[in-house]
N, C-alpha and C. Protein backbone atom coordinates (compact mmCIF):
# COMPACT_ATOMS: atom_id res chain seq x y z
N MET A 1 -7.55 -12.70 -11.83
CA MET A 1 -6.36 -12.33 -12.14
C MET A 1 -5.19 -12.86 -10.91
N LYS A 2 -4.06 -13.07 -11.43
CA LYS A 2 -3.23 -13.48 -10.31
C LYS A 2 -2.51 -12.08 -9.69
N LEU A 3 -2.79 -12.37 -8.44
CA LEU A 3 -2.31 -11.09 -7.91
C LEU A 3 -0.90 -11.18 -7.51
N LEU A 4 -0.04 -12.29 -7.46
CA LEU A 4 1.31 -11.94 -7.24
C LEU A 4 1.84 -13.02 -8.62
N THR A 5 3.08 -12.34 -9.18
CA THR A 5 3.98 -13.05 -10.18
C THR A 5 5.08 -13.26 -9.92
N LYS A 6 5.80 -14.25 -10.59
CA LYS A 6 7.33 -14.19 -9.95
C LYS A 6 8.21 -13.46 -9.98
N GLN A 7 8.03 -12.02 -10.80
CA GLN A 7 8.58 -10.99 -10.93
C GLN A 7 8.66 -10.13 -9.60
N ILE A 8 7.42 -10.20 -9.15
CA ILE A 8 7.03 -9.48 -8.13
C ILE A 8 7.53 -9.91 -6.70
N LEU A 9 7.36 -11.25 -6.74
CA LEU A 9 7.79 -12.07 -5.43
C LEU A 9 9.40 -11.62 -5.17
N LYS A 10 10.11 -11.54 -6.38
CA LYS A 10 11.46 -11.38 -6.47
C LYS A 10 11.94 -10.14 -6.10
N ARG A 11 10.95 -8.91 -6.26
CA ARG A 11 11.47 -7.76 -5.61
C ARG A 11 10.76 -7.71 -4.33
N LEU A 12 9.84 -8.00 -3.91
CA LEU A 12 9.49 -7.79 -2.52
C LEU A 12 10.33 -8.16 -1.49
N PRO A 13 10.79 -7.15 -0.46
CA PRO A 13 11.84 -7.60 0.49
C PRO A 13 10.91 -8.57 1.75
N PRO A 14 11.62 -9.38 2.39
CA PRO A 14 11.15 -10.14 3.29
C PRO A 14 10.44 -9.47 4.56
N LEU A 15 9.56 -9.77 5.12
CA LEU A 15 8.72 -9.33 6.13
C LEU A 15 9.65 -8.74 7.39
N TYR A 16 9.69 -7.62 7.94
CA TYR A 16 10.46 -7.02 9.01
C TYR A 16 11.96 -6.51 8.38
N SER A 17 12.06 -6.74 6.97
CA SER A 17 13.68 -6.24 6.45
C SER A 17 13.78 -5.02 6.52
N GLN A 18 12.75 -4.23 6.48
CA GLN A 18 12.56 -2.64 6.31
C GLN A 18 11.91 -1.80 7.52
N GLU A 19 12.45 -2.39 8.52
CA GLU A 19 12.00 -1.61 9.72
C GLU A 19 12.81 -0.34 9.80
N ASN A 20 14.00 -0.27 9.85
CA ASN A 20 14.99 0.80 9.95
C ASN A 20 15.25 1.86 8.43
N VAL A 21 14.28 1.18 7.50
CA VAL A 21 14.23 1.90 6.14
C VAL A 21 13.41 3.34 6.53
N THR A 22 13.86 4.65 6.24
CA THR A 22 13.01 5.95 6.42
C THR A 22 11.83 5.67 5.50
N ASP A 23 11.89 5.35 4.32
CA ASP A 23 11.02 5.65 3.08
C ASP A 23 10.98 4.44 2.45
N PRO A 24 10.41 3.35 2.85
CA PRO A 24 10.26 2.00 2.07
C PRO A 24 9.31 2.10 0.66
N VAL A 25 9.70 1.24 -0.15
CA VAL A 25 9.18 1.67 -1.49
C VAL A 25 8.02 0.22 -1.71
N ALA A 26 7.12 0.88 -1.92
CA ALA A 26 5.98 -0.09 -2.34
C ALA A 26 6.23 -0.65 -3.66
N GLN A 27 6.31 -2.13 -3.68
CA GLN A 27 6.74 -2.90 -4.68
C GLN A 27 5.11 -3.22 -5.72
N VAL A 28 4.26 -3.21 -4.93
CA VAL A 28 2.87 -3.85 -5.85
C VAL A 28 1.76 -3.30 -5.05
N LYS A 29 0.72 -2.81 -5.95
CA LYS A 29 -0.44 -1.93 -5.53
C LYS A 29 -1.55 -2.89 -6.21
N PHE A 30 -2.58 -3.57 -4.95
CA PHE A 30 -3.84 -4.09 -4.98
C PHE A 30 -4.84 -3.14 -4.83
N PHE A 31 -6.08 -3.41 -5.53
CA PHE A 31 -7.00 -2.29 -5.50
C PHE A 31 -8.13 -3.02 -5.41
N ASN A 32 -9.60 -2.26 -5.20
CA ASN A 32 -10.88 -2.82 -5.33
C ASN A 32 -11.47 -2.33 -6.48
N PRO A 33 -11.91 -2.87 -7.39
CA PRO A 33 -12.43 -1.97 -8.78
C PRO A 33 -13.89 -1.52 -8.63
N ALA A 34 -14.63 -1.94 -7.35
CA ALA A 34 -15.91 -1.84 -7.36
C ALA A 34 -16.06 -1.04 -6.04
N GLY A 35 -15.18 -0.50 -5.11
CA GLY A 35 -15.26 0.10 -4.02
C GLY A 35 -14.03 0.51 -3.37
N ALA A 36 -13.99 0.78 -2.23
CA ALA A 36 -12.93 1.37 -1.53
C ALA A 36 -11.94 0.38 -1.28
N GLY A 37 -10.65 0.68 -0.97
CA GLY A 37 -9.83 -0.07 -0.96
C GLY A 37 -8.44 -0.28 -1.77
N THR A 38 -7.46 0.10 -0.93
CA THR A 38 -6.04 0.23 -2.06
C THR A 38 -5.01 -0.33 -1.16
N TRP A 39 -4.20 -1.54 -1.27
CA TRP A 39 -2.81 -1.99 -0.52
C TRP A 39 -1.76 -2.00 -1.63
N TYR A 40 -0.94 -1.25 -0.59
CA TYR A 40 0.55 -1.17 -1.06
C TYR A 40 1.42 -2.01 -0.37
N ALA A 41 2.11 -2.86 -0.80
CA ALA A 41 2.93 -3.76 -0.34
C ALA A 41 4.32 -3.49 -0.20
N THR A 42 4.98 -3.23 0.64
CA THR A 42 6.61 -2.98 0.67
C THR A 42 7.07 -4.46 1.18
N GLU A 43 6.61 -5.33 1.86
CA GLU A 43 7.13 -6.67 2.42
C GLU A 43 6.54 -7.77 2.28
N PHE A 44 6.68 -8.64 2.14
CA PHE A 44 6.17 -10.26 2.25
C PHE A 44 6.64 -11.21 2.95
N ASP A 45 6.13 -12.15 3.56
CA ASP A 45 6.51 -13.32 4.14
C ASP A 45 6.63 -14.59 3.35
N GLY A 46 6.56 -14.38 2.07
CA GLY A 46 6.56 -15.45 1.23
C GLY A 46 5.58 -16.27 1.17
N VAL A 47 4.61 -16.33 1.97
CA VAL A 47 3.44 -17.30 2.17
C VAL A 47 2.12 -16.45 2.13
N ASP A 48 1.79 -15.71 3.14
CA ASP A 48 0.49 -14.91 3.04
C ASP A 48 0.38 -13.50 3.50
N ARG A 49 1.43 -13.07 4.06
CA ARG A 49 1.21 -11.95 5.02
C ARG A 49 1.94 -10.66 4.26
N PHE A 50 1.51 -9.77 4.13
CA PHE A 50 2.15 -8.50 3.82
C PHE A 50 2.32 -7.26 4.75
N PHE A 51 3.08 -6.62 4.51
CA PHE A 51 3.18 -5.27 5.30
C PHE A 51 3.24 -3.94 4.33
N GLY A 52 2.53 -2.80 4.57
CA GLY A 52 2.53 -1.86 3.69
C GLY A 52 1.52 -1.05 4.13
N LEU A 53 1.26 -0.04 2.99
CA LEU A 53 0.24 0.99 3.09
C LEU A 53 -1.07 0.66 2.86
N VAL A 54 -2.33 0.76 3.69
CA VAL A 54 -3.51 0.36 3.47
C VAL A 54 -4.54 1.34 3.61
N ILE A 55 -5.19 1.66 2.57
CA ILE A 55 -6.09 2.77 2.11
C ILE A 55 -7.35 2.42 2.42
N LEU A 56 -8.03 2.32 3.22
CA LEU A 56 -9.81 1.94 3.24
C LEU A 56 -10.59 3.10 3.81
N HIS A 57 -10.66 3.23 4.93
CA HIS A 57 -11.45 4.30 5.35
C HIS A 57 -10.34 5.46 6.10
N GLU A 58 -9.34 4.92 6.33
CA GLU A 58 -7.94 5.99 6.69
C GLU A 58 -7.13 5.18 6.21
N ARG A 59 -5.89 6.23 6.43
CA ARG A 59 -4.83 5.63 5.80
C ARG A 59 -3.73 4.92 6.87
N GLU A 60 -3.25 3.89 7.07
CA GLU A 60 -2.31 3.48 7.74
C GLU A 60 -1.21 2.18 7.48
N LEU A 61 -0.19 2.17 8.13
CA LEU A 61 0.78 1.00 7.88
C LEU A 61 0.26 0.06 8.49
N GLY A 62 0.30 -1.19 7.87
CA GLY A 62 -0.06 -2.29 8.83
C GLY A 62 -0.06 -3.81 7.60
N TYR A 63 -0.44 -4.91 8.23
CA TYR A 63 -0.54 -6.16 7.79
C TYR A 63 -1.50 -6.36 7.03
N PHE A 64 -1.59 -6.94 5.92
CA PHE A 64 -2.86 -7.68 5.46
C PHE A 64 -2.17 -8.86 4.70
N SER A 65 -3.15 -9.81 4.46
CA SER A 65 -3.37 -11.10 4.08
C SER A 65 -3.52 -11.09 2.41
N LEU A 66 -2.71 -12.29 1.89
CA LEU A 66 -2.76 -12.54 0.30
C LEU A 66 -4.26 -13.15 0.29
N SER A 67 -4.45 -14.42 1.24
CA SER A 67 -5.73 -14.99 1.10
C SER A 67 -6.64 -14.07 1.17
N GLU A 68 -6.78 -13.02 2.03
CA GLU A 68 -7.99 -12.45 2.03
C GLU A 68 -8.10 -11.59 0.91
N LEU A 69 -7.22 -11.05 0.23
CA LEU A 69 -7.17 -10.40 -0.82
C LEU A 69 -7.81 -11.17 -1.64
N GLN A 70 -7.20 -12.46 -2.24
CA GLN A 70 -7.87 -13.46 -3.10
C GLN A 70 -9.20 -13.89 -2.92
N SER A 71 -9.66 -14.09 -1.89
CA SER A 71 -10.91 -14.52 -1.39
C SER A 71 -12.27 -13.62 -1.67
N TYR A 72 -11.85 -12.03 -1.52
CA TYR A 72 -12.61 -11.01 -1.36
C TYR A 72 -13.53 -10.94 -2.66
N ARG A 73 -14.92 -10.83 -2.56
CA ARG A 73 -15.99 -10.78 -3.48
C ARG A 73 -16.91 -9.49 -3.15
N GLY A 74 -16.53 -8.49 -4.23
CA GLY A 74 -17.53 -7.30 -3.74
C GLY A 74 -18.71 -6.89 -4.66
N SER A 75 -18.95 -5.93 -4.85
CA SER A 75 -19.93 -5.59 -5.97
C SER A 75 -20.02 -6.22 -7.38
N PHE A 76 -21.09 -6.90 -7.76
CA PHE A 76 -20.79 -7.65 -9.36
C PHE A 76 -20.04 -8.87 -8.87
N GLY A 77 -19.70 -9.48 -7.70
CA GLY A 77 -18.68 -10.43 -7.66
C GLY A 77 -17.29 -10.19 -8.09
N LEU A 78 -16.95 -9.00 -8.03
CA LEU A 78 -15.43 -8.52 -8.61
C LEU A 78 -14.97 -8.73 -7.20
N GLY A 79 -13.40 -9.22 -7.45
CA GLY A 79 -12.59 -9.33 -6.60
C GLY A 79 -11.08 -8.32 -6.59
N ILE A 80 -10.42 -8.68 -5.66
CA ILE A 80 -9.02 -7.58 -5.51
C ILE A 80 -8.41 -7.69 -6.88
N GLU A 81 -7.87 -6.64 -7.31
CA GLU A 81 -7.11 -6.60 -8.71
C GLU A 81 -5.51 -6.07 -8.32
N ARG A 82 -4.63 -6.44 -9.21
CA ARG A 82 -3.31 -6.22 -9.19
C ARG A 82 -3.33 -4.74 -10.17
N ASP A 83 -2.63 -3.80 -9.84
CA ASP A 83 -2.44 -2.70 -11.06
C ASP A 83 -1.11 -2.97 -11.67
N LYS A 84 -1.50 -3.53 -12.74
CA LYS A 84 -0.75 -3.76 -13.73
C LYS A 84 0.53 -2.92 -14.15
N PHE A 85 0.05 -1.67 -14.04
CA PHE A 85 0.84 -0.69 -14.41
C PHE A 85 1.50 0.05 -13.47
N PHE A 86 1.36 -0.57 -12.29
CA PHE A 86 2.06 0.46 -11.07
C PHE A 86 3.68 0.03 -11.17
N GLU A 87 4.01 1.21 -11.13
CA GLU A 87 5.63 1.29 -10.66
C GLU A 87 6.29 1.29 -9.51
N PRO A 88 6.98 0.44 -8.73
CA PRO A 88 7.28 0.71 -7.38
C PRO A 88 7.57 2.48 -7.09
N GLN A 89 7.18 2.70 -5.98
CA GLN A 89 7.24 3.98 -5.71
C GLN A 89 7.48 4.33 -3.98
N PRO A 90 8.52 5.28 -3.66
CA PRO A 90 8.68 5.37 -2.09
C PRO A 90 6.85 5.48 -1.28
N LEU A 91 6.89 5.16 -0.18
CA LEU A 91 5.71 5.38 0.28
C LEU A 91 5.21 6.68 0.71
N SER A 92 6.34 7.77 0.87
CA SER A 92 6.26 9.32 1.00
C SER A 92 5.48 9.68 -0.41
N LYS A 93 6.05 9.17 -1.41
CA LYS A 93 5.34 9.83 -2.74
C LYS A 93 3.68 9.63 -2.97
N LEU A 94 3.55 8.34 -2.58
CA LEU A 94 2.18 7.66 -2.29
C LEU A 94 1.51 8.56 -1.56
N ARG A 95 1.79 8.88 -0.50
CA ARG A 95 1.10 9.79 0.52
C ARG A 95 0.90 11.06 0.16
N ARG A 96 1.93 11.84 -0.64
CA ARG A 96 1.74 12.76 -0.97
C ARG A 96 0.79 12.89 -2.40
N LEU A 97 0.76 11.69 -3.19
CA LEU A 97 -0.39 11.84 -4.21
C LEU A 97 -1.66 11.58 -3.82
N GLY A 98 -1.97 11.14 -2.59
CA GLY A 98 -3.38 11.22 -2.31
C GLY A 98 -4.08 9.81 -2.53
N THR A 99 -3.36 9.12 -3.43
CA THR A 99 -3.99 7.64 -3.99
C THR A 99 -4.47 6.63 -2.81
């Protein structure tokens, strides 16, 4: 699965552009279909580095890498996928939903 499309790339703001935004919007969601891990990207450097909400063992804001998402293989050899049905949402809403 292609993790980033041209349409998503156009929507993702540059890295550090939302530092003063009270409630940034997650533009894309990635997830591990065979285990733990969900990543919501709010910013992208245009090459490899995202910033957003990361949910693994805990929830935290932080950086994550496109190349690491692409290279990961978990149970049954499954890789990280993009939620094709995800609609951009503010991080505050995602935190309330517990997703």
